[in-house]
Protein backbone atom coordinates (compact mmCIF):
# COMPACT_ATOMS: atom_id res chain seq x y z
CA MET A 1 -14.64 -41.05 60.80
CA ALA A 2 -15.04 -40.54 64.30
CA ASN A 3 -17.61 -41.83 66.17
CA SER A 4 -16.82 -40.70 70.17
CA ALA A 5 -17.58 -36.64 71.20
CA GLN A 6 -13.94 -36.69 72.24
CA ALA A 7 -12.65 -38.17 68.53
CA ARG A 8 -14.14 -35.77 66.95
CA LYS A 9 -12.40 -33.04 69.04
CA ARG A 10 -9.31 -34.93 67.76
CA ALA A 11 -9.81 -34.80 64.74
CA ARG A 12 -10.65 -31.71 64.44
CA GLN A 13 -7.57 -30.66 67.00
CA ALA A 14 -5.42 -31.89 64.37
CA VAL A 15 -6.49 -30.78 61.11
CA LYS A 16 -5.77 -27.04 62.83
CA GLN A 17 -2.07 -28.48 64.11
CA ARG A 18 -1.10 -30.29 60.75
CA THR A 19 -2.01 -26.26 58.66
CA HIS A 20 0.31 -25.34 61.58
CA ASN A 21 2.61 -27.33 60.90
CA VAL A 22 2.60 -26.94 57.21
CA SER A 23 2.98 -23.26 58.06
CA LEU A 24 6.19 -23.80 59.87
CA ARG A 25 7.35 -25.50 57.53
CA SER A 26 7.27 -23.51 54.60
CA THR A 27 9.27 -20.93 56.80
CA LEU A 28 12.07 -23.59 57.66
CA ARG A 29 12.27 -24.25 53.59
CA THR A 30 12.04 -20.33 53.07
CA ALA A 31 14.59 -19.64 55.56
CA ILE A 32 17.01 -22.11 53.69
CA LYS A 33 16.75 -21.39 50.67
CA LYS A 34 17.54 -17.52 51.25
CA VAL A 35 21.11 -18.90 51.94
CA GLN A 36 21.23 -21.11 49.51
CA LYS A 37 20.85 -18.12 46.69
CA ALA A 38 22.78 -16.00 48.34
CA ILE A 39 25.95 -18.84 47.93
CA VAL A 40 24.68 -19.22 44.55
CA ALA A 41 25.03 -15.36 43.59
CA GLY A 42 28.72 -15.60 45.30
CA ASP A 43 27.83 -12.88 48.21
CA LYS A 44 29.21 -14.48 50.69
CA THR A 45 28.87 -11.39 53.60
CA ALA A 46 25.26 -11.24 52.50
CA ALA A 47 25.07 -15.65 52.64
CA GLN A 48 26.74 -14.88 56.67
CA ALA A 49 24.65 -12.37 57.40
CA GLU A 50 21.53 -14.88 56.23
CA PHE A 51 23.33 -17.71 57.58
CA THR A 52 22.54 -16.24 60.85
CA GLN A 53 18.95 -15.22 60.79
CA SER A 54 18.00 -19.19 59.19
CA MET A 55 19.49 -20.26 62.32
CA SER A 56 17.63 -19.77 64.38
CA VAL A 57 14.52 -20.45 62.02
CA ILE A 58 15.92 -23.70 62.30
CA ASP A 59 16.24 -23.54 65.93
CA SER A 60 13.48 -22.58 66.97
CA ILE A 61 11.36 -25.43 64.44
CA ALA A 62 13.84 -28.27 65.47
CA ASP A 63 12.79 -27.23 69.05
CA LYS A 64 8.82 -27.30 68.17
CA LYS A 65 9.47 -30.91 67.35
CA ILE A 66 8.51 -30.24 63.19
CA ILE A 67 11.52 -31.43 62.11
CA HIS A 68 14.60 -34.33 64.00
CA LYS A 69 16.92 -32.15 66.03
CA ASN A 70 19.76 -34.10 63.32
CA LYS A 71 17.69 -32.80 60.31
CA ALA A 72 18.40 -29.60 61.48
CA ALA A 73 21.73 -30.26 62.37
CA ARG A 74 22.42 -31.33 58.53
CA HIS A 75 21.46 -28.57 57.34
CA LYS A 76 22.75 -25.79 59.06
CA SER A 77 26.32 -28.10 58.94
CA ARG A 78 26.02 -28.18 55.00
CA LEU A 79 24.62 -24.19 54.63
CA SER A 80 27.52 -23.21 57.03
CA ALA A 81 30.22 -25.67 54.50
CA ALA A 82 28.42 -24.07 51.46
CA ILE A 83 29.51 -20.40 52.78
CA LYS A 84 32.58 -21.41 53.54
CA ALA A 85 33.21 -23.12 50.53
CA LEU A 86 33.31 -18.97 48.86
């Protein structure tokens, strides 16, 4: 347990920051799933439109260091390849 005032405050901040990060990570997963859903439906134009929107979401979350930049690049690459394969 945190003994000093500083440690107690850092513990409070960590809880608050974790909930924010969980929310952002959920937004990321939702954006990826929207693109995958359009790909499964076979609608290339809708998938392309969703992909352009999700790219900005993926990049912004990687910039905030919620996920690693290489993981963001991997997601974008795989989604792009799946759209091209339609």
